[in-house]
Amino acid sequence: MNKKGIFKKVLVLTLVGGMAFWLANFAISRTSFAADYRAAMNISYYPMLLESLVGGLVIGLWVSYLLVRFYNRIPFNNPILKSVLLSSLILVFVTITLSGPSSFLTTGNILRYFILGTSFNVIRITALGIAIGFVCKKQYSAIKPSVVITTPAGLE
């Protein structure tokens, strides 16, 4: 696959993943738990919606690029499982680098808001992974196996 083909696939997967992340965030933001979390962390509602869109696109780009670039090296046969695995690794990274320090520095009830923020991230990042995996599965099923050559001619 050439660079243009990889770029196009990654772009589509990134947009789908970012949108799934944002929609999950929007659904979560309508709950009373999210309102309590935003109040404790001093997070404004409308900037949070924009930041979640940007954050979803960034995380979607990471997952999409790794999925397309290292597709055959990731365990599992199903693209949805591959994408959810990559998303889970990103979730661990995000939890350690962003969620942990923000709950420790901002709130008085550290454990409650850490668990609440992590549960929000689990929902959002899992939605992103499932959406990216689903679209990736559709992209790869569109390729006919008879057209794909595994080894170039003359190199057998």
N, C-alpha and C. Protein backbone atom coordinates (compact mmCIF):
# COMPACT_ATOMS: atom_id res chain seq x y z
N MET A 1 0.85 -1.17 0.00
CA MET A 1 0.00 0.00 0.00
C MET A 1 0.90 1.24 0.00
N ASN A 2 0.57 2.20 -0.82
CA ASN A 2 1.38 3.40 -0.91
C ASN A 2 1.03 4.37 0.23
N LYS A 3 1.83 5.43 0.34
CA LYS A 3 1.63 6.39 1.43
C LYS A 3 0.30 7.11 1.33
N LYS A 4 -0.15 7.37 0.09
CA LYS A 4 -1.43 8.05 -0.08
C LYS A 4 -2.57 7.17 0.42
N GLY A 5 -2.50 5.86 0.14
CA GLY A 5 -3.53 4.94 0.61
C GLY A 5 -3.55 4.82 2.12
N ILE A 6 -2.36 4.80 2.73
CA ILE A 6 -2.27 4.74 4.19
C ILE A 6 -2.83 6.02 4.79
N PHE A 7 -2.44 7.17 4.22
CA PHE A 7 -2.92 8.45 4.73
C PHE A 7 -4.44 8.54 4.67
N LYS A 8 -5.02 8.09 3.56
CA LYS A 8 -6.48 8.16 3.41
C LYS A 8 -7.18 7.27 4.44
N LYS A 9 -6.67 6.04 4.63
CA LYS A 9 -7.28 5.15 5.62
C LYS A 9 -7.16 5.72 7.02
N VAL A 10 -5.97 6.23 7.36
CA VAL A 10 -5.75 6.79 8.69
C VAL A 10 -6.65 8.01 8.91
N LEU A 11 -6.79 8.84 7.90
CA LEU A 11 -7.64 10.03 8.02
C LEU A 11 -9.10 9.65 8.28
N VAL A 12 -9.61 8.70 7.52
CA VAL A 12 -11.00 8.26 7.72
C VAL A 12 -11.18 7.67 9.11
N LEU A 13 -10.26 6.79 9.51
CA LEU A 13 -10.36 6.17 10.83
C LEU A 13 -10.24 7.20 11.95
N THR A 14 -9.36 8.18 11.76
CA THR A 14 -9.20 9.23 12.77
C THR A 14 -10.48 10.04 12.94
N LEU A 15 -11.10 10.42 11.84
CA LEU A 15 -12.34 11.20 11.91
C LEU A 15 -13.46 10.40 12.57
N VAL A 16 -13.57 9.13 12.21
CA VAL A 16 -14.61 8.28 12.81
C VAL A 16 -14.35 8.10 14.31
N GLY A 17 -13.11 7.83 14.67
CA GLY A 17 -12.77 7.65 16.08
C GLY A 17 -12.98 8.92 16.89
N GLY A 18 -12.57 10.06 16.33
CA GLY A 18 -12.76 11.33 17.02
C GLY A 18 -14.23 11.64 17.23
N MET A 19 -15.04 11.33 16.23
CA MET A 19 -16.48 11.57 16.35
C MET A 19 -17.11 10.65 17.39
N ALA A 20 -16.70 9.38 17.41
CA ALA A 20 -17.23 8.45 18.41
C ALA A 20 -16.84 8.90 19.82
N PHE A 21 -15.60 9.34 19.98
CA PHE A 21 -15.11 9.85 21.26
C PHE A 21 -15.95 11.05 21.69
N TRP A 22 -16.18 11.98 20.77
CA TRP A 22 -16.93 13.19 21.09
C TRP A 22 -18.38 12.86 21.42
N LEU A 23 -19.00 11.97 20.66
CA LEU A 23 -20.40 11.60 20.94
C LEU A 23 -20.53 10.92 22.30
N ALA A 24 -19.57 10.04 22.63
CA ALA A 24 -19.60 9.41 23.95
C ALA A 24 -19.41 10.46 25.04
N ASN A 25 -18.51 11.40 24.81
CA ASN A 25 -18.29 12.47 25.77
C ASN A 25 -19.54 13.33 25.94
N PHE A 26 -20.21 13.64 24.83
CA PHE A 26 -21.43 14.44 24.90
C PHE A 26 -22.51 13.70 25.70
N ALA A 27 -22.65 12.40 25.46
CA ALA A 27 -23.64 11.62 26.21
C ALA A 27 -23.30 11.59 27.70
N ILE A 28 -22.03 11.41 28.01
CA ILE A 28 -21.61 11.40 29.41
C ILE A 28 -21.84 12.77 30.05
N SER A 29 -21.57 13.83 29.30
CA SER A 29 -21.65 15.18 29.86
C SER A 29 -23.06 15.57 30.28
N ARG A 30 -24.06 14.85 29.82
CA ARG A 30 -25.44 15.15 30.17
C ARG A 30 -25.84 14.55 31.51
N THR A 31 -24.97 13.75 32.14
CA THR A 31 -25.31 13.09 33.40
C THR A 31 -24.97 13.97 34.60
N SER A 32 -25.58 13.65 35.73
CA SER A 32 -25.29 14.40 36.95
C SER A 32 -23.88 14.09 37.47
N PHE A 33 -23.38 12.88 37.20
CA PHE A 33 -22.01 12.54 37.61
C PHE A 33 -21.01 13.45 36.92
N ALA A 34 -21.23 13.69 35.64
CA ALA A 34 -20.33 14.56 34.88
C ALA A 34 -20.42 16.00 35.37
N ALA A 35 -21.62 16.44 35.72
CA ALA A 35 -21.77 17.80 36.24
C ALA A 35 -21.02 17.95 37.56
N ASP A 36 -21.10 16.95 38.41
CA ASP A 36 -20.37 16.96 39.67
C ASP A 36 -18.86 16.97 39.42
N TYR A 37 -18.43 16.16 38.48
CA TYR A 37 -17.00 16.08 38.14
C TYR A 37 -16.50 17.42 37.59
N ARG A 38 -17.28 18.03 36.69
CA ARG A 38 -16.89 19.32 36.12
C ARG A 38 -16.83 20.40 37.20
N ALA A 39 -17.77 20.37 38.13
CA ALA A 39 -17.77 21.36 39.21
C ALA A 39 -16.55 21.19 40.12
N ALA A 40 -16.20 19.95 40.43
CA ALA A 40 -15.05 19.69 41.30
C ALA A 40 -13.74 20.07 40.62
N MET A 41 -13.66 19.89 39.31
CA MET A 41 -12.42 20.17 38.58
C MET A 41 -12.41 21.57 37.96
N ASN A 42 -13.47 22.35 38.17
CA ASN A 42 -13.59 23.70 37.58
C ASN A 42 -13.45 23.66 36.06
N ILE A 43 -14.23 22.80 35.43
CA ILE A 43 -14.20 22.64 33.97
C ILE A 43 -15.46 23.29 33.40
N SER A 44 -15.29 24.22 32.48
CA SER A 44 -16.43 24.85 31.81
C SER A 44 -17.00 23.91 30.76
N TYR A 45 -18.31 23.99 30.55
CA TYR A 45 -19.00 23.02 29.69
C TYR A 45 -18.62 23.14 28.22
N TYR A 46 -18.76 24.32 27.62
CA TYR A 46 -18.53 24.46 26.18
C TYR A 46 -17.07 24.28 25.78
N PRO A 47 -16.11 24.83 26.53
CA PRO A 47 -14.71 24.52 26.18
C PRO A 47 -14.40 23.03 26.31
N MET A 48 -15.04 22.36 27.28
CA MET A 48 -14.84 20.93 27.46
C MET A 48 -15.30 20.16 26.22
N LEU A 49 -16.40 20.58 25.61
CA LEU A 49 -16.88 19.91 24.40
C LEU A 49 -15.88 20.06 23.26
N LEU A 50 -15.33 21.25 23.09
CA LEU A 50 -14.34 21.46 22.04
C LEU A 50 -13.05 20.69 22.33
N GLU A 51 -12.61 20.72 23.59
CA GLU A 51 -11.40 20.00 23.95
C GLU A 51 -11.56 18.49 23.77
N SER A 52 -12.76 17.98 24.02
CA SER A 52 -12.98 16.55 23.84
C SER A 52 -12.94 16.16 22.36
N LEU A 53 -13.38 17.06 21.50
CA LEU A 53 -13.29 16.79 20.06
C LEU A 53 -11.83 16.74 19.62
N VAL A 54 -11.05 17.70 20.06
CA VAL A 54 -9.62 17.72 19.71
C VAL A 54 -8.91 16.51 20.32
N GLY A 55 -9.20 16.22 21.58
CA GLY A 55 -8.59 15.06 22.24
C GLY A 55 -8.96 13.76 21.55
N GLY A 56 -10.21 13.63 21.14
CA GLY A 56 -10.65 12.43 20.43
C GLY A 56 -9.95 12.27 19.10
N LEU A 57 -9.73 13.39 18.40
CA LEU A 57 -9.02 13.32 17.12
C LEU A 57 -7.56 12.92 17.32
N VAL A 58 -6.93 13.43 18.37
CA VAL A 58 -5.53 13.08 18.64
C VAL A 58 -5.42 11.60 19.00
N ILE A 59 -6.27 11.14 19.91
CA ILE A 59 -6.24 9.72 20.29
C ILE A 59 -6.63 8.85 19.10
N GLY A 60 -7.60 9.30 18.32
CA GLY A 60 -8.00 8.57 17.12
C GLY A 60 -6.86 8.45 16.12
N LEU A 61 -6.07 9.51 16.00
CA LEU A 61 -4.91 9.47 15.10
C LEU A 61 -3.89 8.45 15.57
N TRP A 62 -3.62 8.43 16.87
CA TRP A 62 -2.66 7.45 17.41
C TRP A 62 -3.14 6.03 17.13
N VAL A 63 -4.38 5.75 17.49
CA VAL A 63 -4.91 4.40 17.32
C VAL A 63 -4.98 4.03 15.84
N SER A 64 -5.46 4.94 15.00
CA SER A 64 -5.60 4.66 13.57
C SER A 64 -4.27 4.39 12.91
N TYR A 65 -3.29 5.24 13.18
CA TYR A 65 -1.98 5.06 12.55
C TYR A 65 -1.35 3.74 12.98
N LEU A 66 -1.38 3.46 14.28
CA LEU A 66 -0.80 2.20 14.75
C LEU A 66 -1.54 1.00 14.19
N LEU A 67 -2.85 1.10 14.07
CA LEU A 67 -3.64 -0.01 13.54
C LEU A 67 -3.33 -0.27 12.07
N VAL A 68 -3.28 0.78 11.27
CA VAL A 68 -3.01 0.61 9.84
C VAL A 68 -1.56 0.21 9.60
N ARG A 69 -0.64 0.85 10.31
CA ARG A 69 0.79 0.62 10.09
C ARG A 69 1.23 -0.77 10.55
N PHE A 70 0.75 -1.21 11.70
CA PHE A 70 1.20 -2.47 12.28
C PHE A 70 0.07 -3.50 12.35
N TYR A 71 -0.81 -3.48 11.38
CA TYR A 71 -2.01 -4.33 11.39
C TYR A 71 -1.67 -5.81 11.60
N ASN A 72 -0.71 -6.33 10.86
CA ASN A 72 -0.39 -7.76 10.94
C ASN A 72 0.41 -8.12 12.19
N ARG A 73 0.98 -7.16 12.87
CA ARG A 73 1.78 -7.44 14.06
C ARG A 73 0.96 -7.40 15.35
N ILE A 74 -0.24 -6.89 15.28
CA ILE A 74 -1.10 -6.80 16.46
C ILE A 74 -1.84 -8.12 16.60
N PRO A 75 -1.85 -8.70 17.81
CA PRO A 75 -2.57 -9.97 17.97
C PRO A 75 -4.07 -9.82 17.69
N PHE A 76 -4.73 -10.92 17.51
CA PHE A 76 -6.15 -11.05 17.17
C PHE A 76 -6.33 -10.96 15.65
N ASN A 77 -7.40 -11.58 15.19
CA ASN A 77 -7.73 -11.55 13.77
C ASN A 77 -8.76 -10.47 13.45
N ASN A 78 -9.53 -10.09 14.43
CA ASN A 78 -10.61 -9.14 14.23
C ASN A 78 -10.10 -7.70 14.40
N PRO A 79 -10.32 -6.82 13.42
CA PRO A 79 -9.86 -5.43 13.54
C PRO A 79 -10.47 -4.68 14.73
N ILE A 80 -11.68 -5.06 15.12
CA ILE A 80 -12.30 -4.39 16.27
C ILE A 80 -11.53 -4.72 17.53
N LEU A 81 -11.15 -5.98 17.71
CA LEU A 81 -10.36 -6.36 18.88
C LEU A 81 -8.98 -5.72 18.85
N LYS A 82 -8.38 -5.64 17.68
CA LYS A 82 -7.08 -4.99 17.54
C LYS A 82 -7.18 -3.52 17.95
N SER A 83 -8.20 -2.86 17.49
CA SER A 83 -8.39 -1.44 17.78
C SER A 83 -8.69 -1.22 19.27
N VAL A 84 -9.49 -2.08 19.86
CA VAL A 84 -9.80 -1.95 21.28
C VAL A 84 -8.54 -2.21 22.11
N LEU A 85 -7.69 -3.14 21.68
CA LEU A 85 -6.43 -3.38 22.38
C LEU A 85 -5.55 -2.12 22.34
N LEU A 86 -5.39 -1.53 21.17
CA LEU A 86 -4.61 -0.30 21.06
C LEU A 86 -5.23 0.82 21.89
N SER A 87 -6.54 0.92 21.87
CA SER A 87 -7.23 1.95 22.65
C SER A 87 -7.01 1.73 24.15
N SER A 88 -6.98 0.48 24.57
CA SER A 88 -6.74 0.18 25.98
C SER A 88 -5.34 0.60 26.41
N LEU A 89 -4.37 0.39 25.53
CA LEU A 89 -3.01 0.83 25.84
C LEU A 89 -2.95 2.36 25.95
N ILE A 90 -3.65 3.04 25.06
CA ILE A 90 -3.71 4.50 25.12
C ILE A 90 -4.43 4.94 26.40
N LEU A 91 -5.47 4.19 26.80
CA LEU A 91 -6.19 4.51 28.03
C LEU A 91 -5.26 4.46 29.24
N VAL A 92 -4.42 3.44 29.30
CA VAL A 92 -3.46 3.33 30.41
C VAL A 92 -2.52 4.54 30.40
N PHE A 93 -2.03 4.89 29.22
CA PHE A 93 -1.13 6.04 29.09
C PHE A 93 -1.83 7.33 29.53
N VAL A 94 -3.05 7.54 29.08
CA VAL A 94 -3.80 8.76 29.42
C VAL A 94 -4.09 8.80 30.92
N THR A 95 -4.43 7.66 31.50
CA THR A 95 -4.74 7.62 32.92
C THR A 95 -3.52 7.97 33.76
N ILE A 96 -2.37 7.44 33.38
CA ILE A 96 -1.15 7.71 34.15
C ILE A 96 -0.69 9.15 33.98
N THR A 97 -0.73 9.65 32.76
CA THR A 97 -0.15 10.98 32.51
C THR A 97 -1.11 12.14 32.75
N LEU A 98 -2.40 11.96 32.51
CA LEU A 98 -3.33 13.09 32.61
C LEU A 98 -4.32 12.98 33.77
N SER A 99 -5.02 11.87 33.87
CA SER A 99 -6.09 11.76 34.86
C SER A 99 -5.57 11.74 36.28
N GLY A 100 -4.53 10.98 36.52
CA GLY A 100 -3.99 10.87 37.87
C GLY A 100 -3.56 12.21 38.44
N PRO A 101 -2.64 12.90 37.77
CA PRO A 101 -2.18 14.18 38.32
C PRO A 101 -3.29 15.23 38.47
N SER A 102 -4.24 15.26 37.54
CA SER A 102 -5.29 16.29 37.65
C SER A 102 -6.19 16.04 38.85
N SER A 103 -6.51 14.76 39.17
CA SER A 103 -7.36 14.52 40.33
C SER A 103 -6.61 14.72 41.63
N PHE A 104 -5.31 14.49 41.63
CA PHE A 104 -4.55 14.66 42.87
C PHE A 104 -4.34 16.14 43.19
N LEU A 105 -4.23 16.97 42.19
CA LEU A 105 -3.91 18.37 42.42
C LEU A 105 -5.14 19.25 42.60
N THR A 106 -6.28 18.84 42.12
CA THR A 106 -7.44 19.74 42.06
C THR A 106 -8.46 19.51 43.16
N THR A 107 -8.68 18.28 43.54
CA THR A 107 -9.84 17.97 44.39
C THR A 107 -9.43 17.54 45.78
N GLY A 108 -10.42 17.58 46.68
CA GLY A 108 -10.20 17.09 48.04
C GLY A 108 -10.48 15.60 48.15
N ASN A 109 -11.41 15.10 47.37
CA ASN A 109 -11.77 13.68 47.39
C ASN A 109 -11.09 12.99 46.21
N ILE A 110 -9.83 12.67 46.39
CA ILE A 110 -8.97 12.21 45.29
C ILE A 110 -9.50 10.92 44.66
N LEU A 111 -9.75 9.91 45.47
CA LEU A 111 -10.12 8.60 44.93
C LEU A 111 -11.43 8.66 44.15
N ARG A 112 -12.40 9.38 44.67
CA ARG A 112 -13.71 9.46 43.99
C ARG A 112 -13.58 10.06 42.59
N TYR A 113 -12.88 11.17 42.49
CA TYR A 113 -12.78 11.84 41.20
C TYR A 113 -11.81 11.15 40.25
N PHE A 114 -10.83 10.47 40.80
CA PHE A 114 -9.94 9.67 39.95
C PHE A 114 -10.71 8.52 39.31
N ILE A 115 -11.50 7.81 40.10
CA ILE A 115 -12.30 6.70 39.57
C ILE A 115 -13.36 7.21 38.60
N LEU A 116 -13.98 8.32 38.92
CA LEU A 116 -15.00 8.89 38.04
C LEU A 116 -14.40 9.31 36.70
N GLY A 117 -13.28 10.01 36.73
CA GLY A 117 -12.61 10.44 35.50
C GLY A 117 -12.12 9.26 34.68
N THR A 118 -11.58 8.25 35.36
CA THR A 118 -11.11 7.06 34.65
C THR A 118 -12.27 6.31 34.02
N SER A 119 -13.40 6.23 34.71
CA SER A 119 -14.56 5.54 34.12
C SER A 119 -15.08 6.29 32.90
N PHE A 120 -15.06 7.62 32.94
CA PHE A 120 -15.44 8.39 31.75
C PHE A 120 -14.50 8.08 30.60
N ASN A 121 -13.21 8.03 30.89
CA ASN A 121 -12.23 7.74 29.84
C ASN A 121 -12.38 6.33 29.29
N VAL A 122 -12.72 5.38 30.15
CA VAL A 122 -12.94 4.00 29.67
C VAL A 122 -14.08 3.99 28.65
N ILE A 123 -15.16 4.67 28.95
CA ILE A 123 -16.31 4.71 28.04
C ILE A 123 -15.94 5.40 26.73
N ARG A 124 -15.31 6.57 26.83
CA ARG A 124 -14.98 7.34 25.62
C ARG A 124 -13.96 6.63 24.74
N ILE A 125 -12.91 6.12 25.35
CA ILE A 125 -11.83 5.51 24.56
C ILE A 125 -12.26 4.15 24.02
N THR A 126 -13.10 3.42 24.75
CA THR A 126 -13.62 2.17 24.21
C THR A 126 -14.54 2.43 23.03
N ALA A 127 -15.37 3.46 23.11
CA ALA A 127 -16.23 3.83 21.96
C ALA A 127 -15.37 4.18 20.76
N LEU A 128 -14.30 4.91 20.98
CA LEU A 128 -13.37 5.26 19.90
C LEU A 128 -12.78 4.00 19.28
N GLY A 129 -12.32 3.07 20.11
CA GLY A 129 -11.72 1.84 19.61
C GLY A 129 -12.69 0.98 18.82
N ILE A 130 -13.91 0.86 19.31
CA ILE A 130 -14.91 0.06 18.60
C ILE A 130 -15.25 0.69 17.25
N ALA A 131 -15.42 2.01 17.23
CA ALA A 131 -15.76 2.69 15.97
C ALA A 131 -14.63 2.56 14.95
N ILE A 132 -13.40 2.76 15.39
CA ILE A 132 -12.25 2.64 14.48
C ILE A 132 -12.14 1.20 13.98
N GLY A 133 -12.29 0.24 14.87
CA GLY A 133 -12.20 -1.16 14.46
C GLY A 133 -13.30 -1.55 13.48
N PHE A 134 -14.50 -1.06 13.71
CA PHE A 134 -15.61 -1.37 12.81
C PHE A 134 -15.36 -0.82 11.41
N VAL A 135 -14.93 0.43 11.33
CA VAL A 135 -14.67 1.03 10.01
C VAL A 135 -13.46 0.37 9.36
N CYS A 136 -12.46 0.02 10.14
CA CYS A 136 -11.29 -0.68 9.60
C CYS A 136 -11.70 -2.03 9.03
N LYS A 137 -12.60 -2.71 9.72
CA LYS A 137 -13.09 -3.99 9.23
C LYS A 137 -13.80 -3.81 7.89
N LYS A 138 -14.57 -2.75 7.77
CA LYS A 138 -15.24 -2.45 6.50
C LYS A 138 -14.23 -2.12 5.41
N GLN A 139 -13.18 -1.38 5.76
CA GLN A 139 -12.15 -1.03 4.77
C GLN A 139 -11.43 -2.27 4.27
N TYR A 140 -11.06 -3.17 5.18
CA TYR A 140 -10.33 -4.36 4.77
C TYR A 140 -11.22 -5.38 4.09
N SER A 141 -12.52 -5.39 4.40
CA SER A 141 -13.40 -6.34 3.71
C SER A 141 -13.70 -5.87 2.29
N ALA A 142 -13.47 -4.58 2.02
CA ALA A 142 -13.68 -4.06 0.67
C ALA A 142 -12.58 -4.51 -0.29
N ILE A 143 -11.43 -4.93 0.27
CA ILE A 143 -10.34 -5.41 -0.56
C ILE A 143 -10.61 -6.87 -0.89
N LYS A 144 -10.62 -7.20 -2.16
CA LYS A 144 -10.88 -8.57 -2.57
C LYS A 144 -9.61 -9.40 -2.40
N PRO A 145 -9.70 -10.56 -1.75
CA PRO A 145 -8.51 -11.38 -1.53
C PRO A 145 -7.82 -11.81 -2.82
N SER A 146 -8.56 -11.94 -3.91
CA SER A 146 -7.94 -12.36 -5.17
C SER A 146 -7.07 -11.26 -5.77
N VAL A 147 -7.30 -10.01 -5.36
CA VAL A 147 -6.53 -8.89 -5.90
C VAL A 147 -5.25 -8.67 -5.10
N VAL A 148 -5.27 -8.99 -3.82
CA VAL A 148 -4.13 -8.75 -2.95
C VAL A 148 -3.07 -9.81 -3.20
N ILE A 149 -1.85 -9.38 -3.46
CA ILE A 149 -0.73 -10.30 -3.66
C ILE A 149 0.13 -10.23 -2.41
N THR A 150 0.39 -11.39 -1.80
CA THR A 150 1.15 -11.39 -0.56
C THR A 150 2.65 -11.24 -0.80
N THR A 151 3.17 -11.82 -1.86
CA THR A 151 4.58 -11.65 -2.18
C THR A 151 4.70 -11.15 -3.61
N PRO A 152 5.58 -10.19 -3.84
CA PRO A 152 5.74 -9.68 -5.20
C PRO A 152 6.20 -10.77 -6.16
N ALA A 153 5.79 -10.65 -7.40
CA ALA A 153 6.16 -11.65 -8.42
C ALA A 153 7.67 -11.68 -8.58
N GLY A 154 8.21 -12.87 -8.71
CA GLY A 154 9.64 -13.06 -8.91
C GLY A 154 10.43 -13.19 -7.63
N LEU A 155 9.79 -13.04 -6.46
CA LEU A 155 10.51 -13.14 -5.20
C LEU A 155 10.14 -14.40 -4.43
N GLU A 156 9.57 -15.39 -5.09
CA GLU A 156 9.14 -16.59 -4.38
C GLU A 156 10.29 -17.44 -3.97
